[in-house]
Amino acid sequence: MGGAASKEGAMLRELALAIGIPLALLLLALLAMEQWGDRLPAWLQRLAKRPSWLWNAGIGLIIGLSLLRWLLQR
């Protein structure tokens, strides 16, 4: 019974990390855009003018970081 509880705890921790890290990155990016939108580097300003590009870049970053995390755990 203790083994099942520890596995469940580990799964919950992994789920919190899998959801929490990308959500934190998304919120930090949103705050950065709101705070420093006019002082961002030129390449980020170009992305900011096109919401779809910014969204796709963010999702790609989340997927890439998730893959890197998975590879480092192996």
Protein backbone atom coordinates (compact mmCIF):
# COMPACT_ATOMS: atom_id res chain seq x y z
CA MET A 1 0.00 0.00 0.00
CA GLY A 2 2.90 2.36 0.70
CA GLY A 3 4.32 1.68 -2.74
CA ALA A 4 1.10 2.70 -4.45
CA ALA A 5 0.94 5.92 -2.45
CA SER A 6 4.52 6.81 -3.33
CA LYS A 7 3.89 6.10 -7.02
CA GLU A 8 0.79 8.29 -6.89
CA GLY A 9 2.76 11.06 -5.19
CA ALA A 10 5.49 10.80 -7.82
CA MET A 11 2.89 10.96 -10.59
CA LEU A 12 1.31 14.05 -9.06
CA ARG A 13 4.71 15.71 -8.74
CA GLU A 14 5.50 14.90 -12.38
CA LEU A 15 2.11 16.23 -13.47
CA ALA A 16 2.62 19.42 -11.49
CA LEU A 17 6.03 19.88 -13.13
CA ALA A 18 4.72 19.06 -16.60
CA ILE A 19 1.93 21.60 -16.29
CA GLY A 20 3.52 24.10 -13.94
CA ILE A 21 6.76 24.77 -15.81
CA PRO A 22 5.15 25.57 -19.19
CA LEU A 23 2.46 27.62 -17.47
CA ALA A 24 5.08 29.59 -15.54
CA LEU A 25 7.02 30.21 -18.76
CA LEU A 26 3.88 31.38 -20.51
CA LEU A 27 2.98 33.75 -17.68
CA LEU A 28 6.53 35.13 -17.52
CA ALA A 29 6.51 35.73 -21.27
CA LEU A 30 3.16 37.47 -21.02
CA LEU A 31 4.40 39.70 -18.21
CA ALA A 32 7.58 40.51 -20.15
CA MET A 33 5.54 41.48 -23.21
CA GLU A 34 3.30 43.71 -21.12
CA GLN A 35 6.17 45.32 -19.22
CA TRP A 36 8.88 45.66 -21.87
CA GLY A 37 6.97 45.30 -25.16
CA ASP A 38 8.42 48.49 -26.63
CA ARG A 39 12.00 47.74 -25.49
CA LEU A 40 12.28 44.16 -26.70
CA PRO A 41 14.96 43.12 -29.21
CA ALA A 42 14.01 43.67 -32.85
CA TRP A 43 13.37 39.98 -33.55
CA LEU A 44 10.98 39.72 -30.59
CA GLN A 45 9.19 42.90 -31.65
CA ARG A 46 8.61 41.37 -35.08
CA LEU A 47 7.15 38.28 -33.41
CA ALA A 48 5.01 40.44 -31.11
CA LYS A 49 3.38 42.12 -34.12
CA ARG A 50 2.15 38.72 -35.26
CA PRO A 51 0.30 37.00 -32.42
CA SER A 52 0.17 33.67 -34.26
CA TRP A 53 3.96 33.60 -34.65
CA LEU A 54 4.44 34.46 -31.01
CA TRP A 55 2.01 31.77 -29.91
CA ASN A 56 3.60 29.16 -32.17
CA ALA A 57 7.08 30.07 -30.98
CA GLY A 58 5.95 29.75 -27.37
CA ILE A 59 4.36 26.38 -27.97
CA GLY A 60 7.48 25.21 -29.81
CA LEU A 61 9.61 26.32 -26.88
CA ILE A 62 7.40 24.45 -24.44
CA ILE A 63 7.53 21.29 -26.54
CA GLY A 64 11.29 21.58 -26.99
CA LEU A 65 11.91 22.10 -23.28
CA SER A 66 9.61 19.20 -22.43
CA LEU A 67 11.51 16.96 -24.83
CA LEU A 68 14.82 18.08 -23.35
CA ARG A 69 13.56 17.34 -19.85
CA TRP A 70 12.37 13.89 -20.93
CA LEU A 71 15.71 13.13 -22.59
CA LEU A 72 17.67 14.24 -19.54
CA GLN A 73 15.59 11.98 -17.29
CA ARG A 74 16.48 8.85 -19.26
